[in-house]
Amino acid sequence: MRRVPPGPGQESVWDYPRPPAVDLSTEHLLVLLGGQVVAETRTSWRVLETSHPPTYYLPRSCFAPDTLREAGGISYCEWKGIATYLDVLGGTRIASRKAWYYPDPTAQYAVLADHVALYPGAMDRCTIDGEEVQPQPGDFYGGWITKRVVGPFKGEPGTAYW
């Protein structure tokens, strides 16, 4: 693994902490699925964890009506607690179990209550301040890659045991 040195205005995911930090963002986030805007906000939380591009948690209130539905199933994060999954609905498309939230996050991550994260690769398009997001490699992680962050990133081939 070779750390990419950050340039001006960039962050290295190798400078993010473990356990993850939570950072308030006022960037303009836009999520499209099935040809429609399913979420738009200028206030979100970035979860910043070593080797991962930021995962954005959007306020549930920024999602268009009827674009989220409970999908069943849970997973466990050693820091944030138990996550519950959601389907994202847009136009005629359904992104099954491609969003999640923490109904009762641990105290350290309490700000994530009532916020939803999603897999950008399962959407038609996600943007941050107009820049199209590249999804974090692999199908387990929900990081949002932009020119602002450099890796290498967890999820790429050979990174399973980082």
C-alpha atoms as a PDB file:
ATOM      1  CA  MET A   1       0.000   0.000   0.000  1.00  0.00           C
ATOM      2  CA  ARG A   2       1.363   3.381  -0.994  1.00  0.00           C
ATOM      3  CA  ARG A   3      -0.232   6.429   0.602  1.00  0.00           C
ATOM      4  CA  VAL A   4      -1.038   9.109  -1.976  1.00  0.00           C
ATOM      5  CA  PRO A   5       0.227  12.459  -0.698  1.00  0.00           C
ATOM      6  CA  PRO A   6      -2.591  15.030  -0.569  1.00  0.00           C
ATOM      7  CA  GLY A   7      -2.285  18.121  -2.720  1.00  0.00           C
ATOM      8  CA  PRO A   8      -3.589  21.596  -1.904  1.00  0.00           C
ATOM      9  CA  GLY A   9      -7.204  21.425  -0.729  1.00  0.00           C
ATOM     10  CA  GLN A  10      -7.131  17.619  -0.453  1.00  0.00           C
ATOM     11  CA  GLU A  11      -7.416  15.203   2.459  1.00  0.00           C
ATOM     12  CA  SER A  12      -5.765  11.809   2.770  1.00  0.00           C
ATOM     13  CA  VAL A  13      -7.994   9.072   4.132  1.00  0.00           C
ATOM     14  CA  TRP A  14      -4.865   7.876   5.934  1.00  0.00           C
ATOM     15  CA  ASP A  15      -5.075  10.971   8.146  1.00  0.00           C
ATOM     16  CA  TYR A  16      -8.631  10.105   9.249  1.00  0.00           C
ATOM     17  CA  PRO A  17      -8.856   8.578  12.744  1.00  0.00           C
ATOM     18  CA  ARG A  18      -9.969   5.236  14.095  1.00  0.00           C
ATOM     19  CA  PRO A  19     -12.487   5.175  15.699  1.00  0.00           C
ATOM     20  CA  PRO A  20     -14.069   7.407  13.071  1.00  0.00           C
ATOM     21  CA  ALA A  21     -14.610  11.138  13.461  1.00  0.00           C
ATOM     22  CA  VAL A  22     -17.879  12.874  12.619  1.00  0.00           C
ATOM     23  CA  ASP A  23     -17.640  16.183  10.794  1.00  0.00           C
ATOM     24  CA  LEU A  24     -20.495  18.589  10.022  1.00  0.00           C
ATOM     25  CA  SER A  25     -20.720  19.345   6.295  1.00  0.00           C
ATOM     26  CA  THR A  26     -22.433  22.247   4.554  1.00  0.00           C
ATOM     27  CA  GLU A  27     -21.604  20.935   1.081  1.00  0.00           C
ATOM     28  CA  HIS A  28     -24.475  20.680  -1.395  1.00  0.00           C
ATOM     29  CA  LEU A  29     -25.380  16.977  -1.744  1.00  0.00           C
ATOM     30  CA  LEU A  30     -27.692  15.747  -4.487  1.00  0.00           C
ATOM     31  CA  VAL A  31     -28.864  12.141  -4.983  1.00  0.00           C
ATOM     32  CA  LEU A  32     -30.694  10.987  -8.119  1.00  0.00           C
ATOM     33  CA  LEU A  33     -32.350   7.623  -8.738  1.00  0.00           C
ATOM     34  CA  GLY A  34     -34.724   6.612 -11.516  1.00  0.00           C
ATOM     35  CA  GLY A  35     -34.357  10.047 -13.081  1.00  0.00           C
ATOM     36  CA  GLN A  36     -35.618  11.909 -10.020  1.00  0.00           C
ATOM     37  CA  VAL A  37     -34.065  13.784  -7.120  1.00  0.00           C
ATOM     38  CA  VAL A  38     -34.511  11.552  -4.082  1.00  0.00           C
ATOM     39  CA  ALA A  39     -32.460  13.694  -1.670  1.00  0.00           C
ATOM     40  CA  GLU A  40     -30.929  17.153  -1.555  1.00  0.00           C
ATOM     41  CA  THR A  41     -29.312  18.952   1.360  1.00  0.00           C
ATOM     42  CA  ARG A  42     -26.709  21.476   2.437  1.00  0.00           C
ATOM     43  CA  THR A  43     -26.365  20.001   5.926  1.00  0.00           C
ATOM     44  CA  SER A  44     -25.054  16.492   6.541  1.00  0.00           C
ATOM     45  CA  TRP A  45     -22.513  14.578   8.582  1.00  0.00           C
ATOM     46  CA  ARG A  46     -19.309  13.108   7.162  1.00  0.00           C
ATOM     47  CA  VAL A  47     -18.011  10.016   8.943  1.00  0.00           C
ATOM     48  CA  LEU A  48     -14.233   9.928   8.504  1.00  0.00           C
ATOM     49  CA  GLU A  49     -12.472   6.623   9.142  1.00  0.00           C
ATOM     50  CA  THR A  50      -8.892   5.584   8.399  1.00  0.00           C
ATOM     51  CA  SER A  51      -8.549   4.228   4.833  1.00  0.00           C
ATOM     52  CA  HIS A  52     -12.161   5.042   3.862  1.00  0.00           C
ATOM     53  CA  PRO A  53     -13.477   7.938   1.797  1.00  0.00           C
ATOM     54  CA  PRO A  54     -16.102   9.908   3.727  1.00  0.00           C
ATOM     55  CA  THR A  55     -19.505   8.341   4.244  1.00  0.00           C
ATOM     56  CA  TYR A  56     -22.217  11.003   4.205  1.00  0.00           C
ATOM     57  CA  TYR A  57     -25.227  10.815   6.516  1.00  0.00           C
ATOM     58  CA  LEU A  58     -28.078  12.922   5.150  1.00  0.00           C
ATOM     59  CA  PRO A  59     -31.000  14.147   7.254  1.00  0.00           C
ATOM     60  CA  ARG A  60     -33.983  11.883   6.725  1.00  0.00           C
ATOM     61  CA  SER A  61     -36.031  15.052   6.213  1.00  0.00           C
ATOM     62  CA  CYS A  62     -34.080  15.909   3.017  1.00  0.00           C
ATOM     63  CA  PHE A  63     -35.393  12.806   1.213  1.00  0.00           C
ATOM     64  CA  ALA A  64     -38.388  13.292  -1.062  1.00  0.00           C
ATOM     65  CA  PRO A  65     -41.640  11.749   0.198  1.00  0.00           C
ATOM     66  CA  ASP A  66     -41.982   7.996  -0.360  1.00  0.00           C
ATOM     67  CA  THR A  67     -38.359   7.510  -1.461  1.00  0.00           C
ATOM     68  CA  LEU A  68     -37.308   5.477   1.603  1.00  0.00           C
ATOM     69  CA  ARG A  69     -38.882   2.317   2.962  1.00  0.00           C
ATOM     70  CA  GLU A  70     -37.820  -0.178   5.581  1.00  0.00           C
ATOM     71  CA  ALA A  71     -36.028  -3.109   3.983  1.00  0.00           C
ATOM     72  CA  GLY A  72     -35.439  -5.543   6.820  1.00  0.00           C
ATOM     73  CA  GLY A  73     -32.138  -6.761   8.116  1.00  0.00           C
ATOM     74  CA  ILE A  74     -29.574  -5.260  10.428  1.00  0.00           C
ATOM     75  CA  SER A  75     -25.820  -5.050  10.805  1.00  0.00           C
ATOM     76  CA  TYR A  76     -23.546  -4.077  13.647  1.00  0.00           C
ATOM     77  CA  CYS A  77     -20.820  -1.430  13.766  1.00  0.00           C
ATOM     78  CA  GLU A  78     -18.461  -1.647  16.710  1.00  0.00           C
ATOM     79  CA  TRP A  79     -18.615   2.151  17.096  1.00  0.00           C
ATOM     80  CA  LYS A  80     -22.040   3.288  15.932  1.00  0.00           C
ATOM     81  CA  GLY A  81     -24.211   0.361  17.020  1.00  0.00           C
ATOM     82  CA  ILE A  82     -26.964  -1.473  15.148  1.00  0.00           C
ATOM     83  CA  ALA A  83     -27.864  -0.301  11.646  1.00  0.00           C
ATOM     84  CA  THR A  84     -31.207  -0.889   9.947  1.00  0.00           C
ATOM     85  CA  TYR A  85     -31.511  -1.056   6.147  1.00  0.00           C
ATOM     86  CA  LEU A  86     -33.717   0.857   3.736  1.00  0.00           C
ATOM     87  CA  ASP A  87     -34.736   0.593   0.113  1.00  0.00           C
ATOM     88  CA  VAL A  88     -34.353   3.777  -1.929  1.00  0.00           C
ATOM     89  CA  LEU A  89     -37.142   4.384  -4.472  1.00  0.00           C
ATOM     90  CA  GLY A  90     -36.825   6.781  -7.386  1.00  0.00           C
ATOM     91  CA  GLY A  91     -38.929   6.836 -10.554  1.00  0.00           C
ATOM     92  CA  THR A  92     -39.391   3.191 -11.494  1.00  0.00           C
ATOM     93  CA  ARG A  93     -36.130   2.082  -9.826  1.00  0.00           C
ATOM     94  CA  ILE A  94     -35.672   0.449  -6.450  1.00  0.00           C
ATOM     95  CA  ALA A  95     -32.230   0.276  -4.877  1.00  0.00           C
ATOM     96  CA  SER A  96     -32.894  -2.610  -2.481  1.00  0.00           C
ATOM     97  CA  ARG A  97     -31.148  -2.356   0.896  1.00  0.00           C
ATOM     98  CA  LYS A  98     -28.835   0.362  -0.419  1.00  0.00           C
ATOM     99  CA  ALA A  99     -29.337   2.804   2.458  1.00  0.00           C
ATOM    100  CA  TRP A 100     -29.022   2.452   6.216  1.00  0.00           C
ATOM    101  CA  TYR A 101     -29.437   4.353   9.454  1.00  0.00           C
ATOM    102  CA  TYR A 102     -28.806   3.927  13.164  1.00  0.00           C
ATOM    103  CA  PRO A 103     -32.128   4.156  15.033  1.00  0.00           C
ATOM    104  CA  ASP A 104     -30.300   4.347  18.377  1.00  0.00           C
ATOM    105  CA  PRO A 105     -26.622   5.168  17.746  1.00  0.00           C
ATOM    106  CA  THR A 106     -24.048   4.995  20.516  1.00  0.00           C
ATOM    107  CA  ALA A 107     -23.510   8.198  22.514  1.00  0.00           C
ATOM    108  CA  GLN A 108     -20.359   9.159  20.577  1.00  0.00           C
ATOM    109  CA  TYR A 109     -22.343   9.064  17.305  1.00  0.00           C
ATOM    110  CA  ALA A 110     -25.674  10.403  18.584  1.00  0.00           C
ATOM    111  CA  VAL A 111     -25.684  13.152  15.913  1.00  0.00           C
ATOM    112  CA  LEU A 112     -26.325  10.434  13.309  1.00  0.00           C
ATOM    113  CA  ALA A 113     -29.823   9.766  14.680  1.00  0.00           C
ATOM    114  CA  ASP A 114     -32.446  10.654  12.039  1.00  0.00           C
ATOM    115  CA  HIS A 115     -29.769  10.561   9.308  1.00  0.00           C
ATOM    116  CA  VAL A 116     -29.440   8.126   6.419  1.00  0.00           C
ATOM    117  CA  ALA A 117     -26.339   6.914   4.553  1.00  0.00           C
ATOM    118  CA  LEU A 118     -26.477   5.254   1.158  1.00  0.00           C
ATOM    119  CA  TYR A 119     -24.313   3.480  -1.383  1.00  0.00           C
ATOM    120  CA  PRO A 120     -23.586   6.056  -4.091  1.00  0.00           C
ATOM    121  CA  GLY A 121     -22.825   3.300  -6.627  1.00  0.00           C
ATOM    122  CA  ALA A 122     -26.435   2.085  -6.380  1.00  0.00           C
ATOM    123  CA  MET A 123     -27.842   5.497  -7.322  1.00  0.00           C
ATOM    124  CA  ASP A 124     -28.013   7.033 -10.814  1.00  0.00           C
ATOM    125  CA  ARG A 125     -25.839   9.877  -9.633  1.00  0.00           C
ATOM    126  CA  CYS A 126     -24.628  11.546  -6.456  1.00  0.00           C
ATOM    127  CA  THR A 127     -22.922  14.926  -6.424  1.00  0.00           C
ATOM    128  CA  ILE A 128     -21.104  17.056  -3.876  1.00  0.00           C
ATOM    129  CA  ASP A 129     -21.060  20.754  -4.754  1.00  0.00           C
ATOM    130  CA  GLY A 130     -21.756  19.743  -8.361  1.00  0.00           C
ATOM    131  CA  GLU A 131     -18.915  17.194  -8.610  1.00  0.00           C
ATOM    132  CA  GLU A 132     -20.029  13.676  -9.473  1.00  0.00           C
ATOM    133  CA  VAL A 133     -19.107  11.186  -6.762  1.00  0.00           C
ATOM    134  CA  GLN A 134     -17.229   7.972  -7.471  1.00  0.00           C
ATOM    135  CA  PRO A 135     -18.361   5.116  -5.206  1.00  0.00           C
ATOM    136  CA  GLN A 136     -15.925   3.469  -2.831  1.00  0.00           C
ATOM    137  CA  PRO A 137     -14.689   0.215  -4.394  1.00  0.00           C
ATOM    138  CA  GLY A 138     -16.366  -3.018  -3.331  1.00  0.00           C
ATOM    139  CA  ASP A 139     -19.970  -3.538  -2.348  1.00  0.00           C
ATOM    140  CA  PHE A 140     -19.615  -3.376   1.432  1.00  0.00           C
ATOM    141  CA  TYR A 141     -18.632   0.264   1.942  1.00  0.00           C
ATOM    142  CA  GLY A 142     -20.568   3.461   1.296  1.00  0.00           C
ATOM    143  CA  GLY A 143     -17.797   6.031   0.870  1.00  0.00           C
ATOM    144  CA  TRP A 144     -18.100   8.996  -1.496  1.00  0.00           C
ATOM    145  CA  ILE A 145     -14.924   9.702  -3.506  1.00  0.00           C
ATOM    146  CA  THR A 146     -14.280  13.177  -4.924  1.00  0.00           C
ATOM    147  CA  LYS A 147     -11.168  15.109  -5.940  1.00  0.00           C
ATOM    148  CA  ARG A 148     -11.017  16.283  -2.322  1.00  0.00           C
ATOM    149  CA  VAL A 149      -9.864  12.889  -0.979  1.00  0.00           C
ATOM    150  CA  VAL A 150      -6.928  10.670  -1.861  1.00  0.00           C
ATOM    151  CA  GLY A 151      -6.219   7.039  -0.937  1.00  0.00           C
ATOM    152  CA  PRO A 152      -5.616   4.284  -1.565  1.00  0.00           C
ATOM    153  CA  PHE A 153      -9.070   3.300  -0.346  1.00  0.00           C
ATOM    154  CA  LYS A 154     -10.277   0.264   1.569  1.00  0.00           C
ATOM    155  CA  GLY A 155     -12.380  -1.869  -0.792  1.00  0.00           C
ATOM    156  CA  GLU A 156      -9.877  -2.008  -3.640  1.00  0.00           C
ATOM    157  CA  PRO A 157      -8.512  -5.466  -4.522  1.00  0.00           C
ATOM    158  CA  GLY A 158      -6.112  -6.742  -1.861  1.00  0.00           C
ATOM    159  CA  THR A 159      -7.416  -4.489   0.921  1.00  0.00           C
ATOM    160  CA  ALA A 160      -9.692  -6.943   2.749  1.00  0.00           C
ATOM    161  CA  TYR A 161      -7.412  -7.201   5.791  1.00  0.00           C
ATOM    162  CA  TRP A 162      -6.327  -3.580   6.209  1.00  0.00           C
END
